[in-house]
Protein backbone atom coordinates (compact mmCIF):
# COMPACT_ATOMS: atom_id res chain seq x y z
CA MET A 1 141.08 28.83 99.20
CA THR A 2 137.88 28.46 101.09
CA VAL A 3 135.36 25.96 100.69
CA TYR A 4 132.42 28.51 100.75
CA PRO A 5 133.50 31.38 98.57
CA LEU A 6 130.16 33.31 99.38
CA LEU A 7 131.24 33.41 103.00
CA ALA A 8 134.60 35.00 102.14
CA VAL A 9 133.20 38.13 100.61
CA GLY A 10 132.07 41.14 102.54
CA PHE A 11 128.41 42.42 103.38
CA LEU A 12 128.64 45.10 100.71
CA MET A 13 129.35 42.54 97.95
CA LYS A 14 126.65 40.41 98.97
CA VAL A 15 124.23 43.34 98.67
CA VAL A 16 125.69 44.24 95.32
CA VAL A 17 125.06 40.53 94.26
CA GLY A 18 121.59 40.75 95.50
CA VAL A 19 120.79 44.04 93.57
CA TRP A 20 122.41 42.48 90.57
CA PHE A 21 120.25 39.44 90.67
CA ILE A 22 117.08 41.59 91.21
CA CYS A 23 118.19 43.86 88.28
CA ALA A 24 118.41 40.73 86.10
CA LEU A 25 115.27 39.44 86.99
CA ALA A 26 113.57 42.85 86.18
CA LEU A 27 115.46 43.01 82.96
CA ILE A 28 114.00 39.71 81.86
CA LEU A 29 110.44 40.85 82.74
CA ILE A 30 110.72 44.08 81.22
CA ILE A 31 112.09 42.80 77.95
CA LEU A 32 109.27 40.11 77.87
CA ILE A 33 106.57 42.57 78.31
CA GLN A 34 107.66 44.88 75.46
CA LYS A 35 105.99 44.53 72.18
CA GLY A 36 108.25 43.42 69.43
CA ARG A 37 107.76 42.83 65.59
CA GLY A 38 105.94 39.54 66.36
CA GLY A 39 103.92 40.96 69.29
CA GLY A 40 106.07 39.68 72.25
CA LEU A 41 104.77 37.90 75.14
CA SER A 42 102.42 40.69 76.13
CA ALA A 43 100.38 39.72 72.90
CA ALA A 44 100.24 36.19 74.02
CA PHE A 45 98.75 37.07 77.37
CA GLY A 46 95.94 39.55 76.72
CA GLY A 47 96.92 41.74 73.89
CA GLY A 48 97.76 45.11 75.36
CA MET A 49 98.13 44.37 79.08
CA ALA A 50 101.13 46.65 79.50
CA SER A 51 99.89 49.52 77.40
CA GLY A 52 96.41 49.35 79.09
CA ILE A 53 98.14 49.70 82.59
CA LEU A 54 100.75 52.18 81.82
CA GLY A 55 99.12 54.40 79.14
CA SER A 56 99.69 55.15 75.52
CA LYS A 57 103.43 55.95 75.84
CA THR A 58 104.27 52.42 77.02
CA GLY A 59 106.90 51.80 74.38
CA ASP A 60 108.92 54.89 75.29
CA PHE A 61 108.55 54.27 78.96
CA LEU A 62 109.66 50.50 78.79
CA THR A 63 112.38 51.42 76.48
CA TRP A 64 113.88 53.97 79.01
CA VAL A 65 113.37 51.62 81.93
CA THR A 66 115.33 48.96 79.96
CA ILE A 67 118.19 51.37 79.05
CA VAL A 68 118.42 52.40 82.82
CA LEU A 69 118.26 48.67 84.05
CA VAL A 70 121.13 47.80 81.51
CA GLY A 71 123.20 50.40 82.79
CA ILE A 72 122.73 49.54 86.46
CA PHE A 73 123.26 45.61 85.42
CA LEU A 74 126.56 46.52 83.55
CA THR A 75 127.91 48.63 86.27
CA LEU A 76 127.31 46.26 88.95
CA ALA A 77 128.88 43.44 86.88
CA VAL A 78 132.03 45.39 86.44
CA VAL A 79 132.03 46.16 90.26
CA MET A 80 131.61 42.65 90.97
CA ALA A 81 134.43 41.57 88.45
CA LYS A 82 136.81 44.17 90.02
CA PHE A 83 136.23 43.48 93.65
CA TRP A 84 135.21 39.90 94.16
């Protein structure tokens, strides 16, 4: 048993953990930008900030980005659980 478990894993697993962490942060931000039933966080900071930047199909675009990020997040989580 090592004192520093992060030093015991290989370089590839460190890359997987880094990508997983970035994916988690991106998921948090994308979900907070989306407009929910109550307006979401985007309504609190300027109304339609995301829809103004990304166009009229922002809801569809953010939904697909969220689905892709969740797929990547879960795949990396399974990889980390299996090989760490």
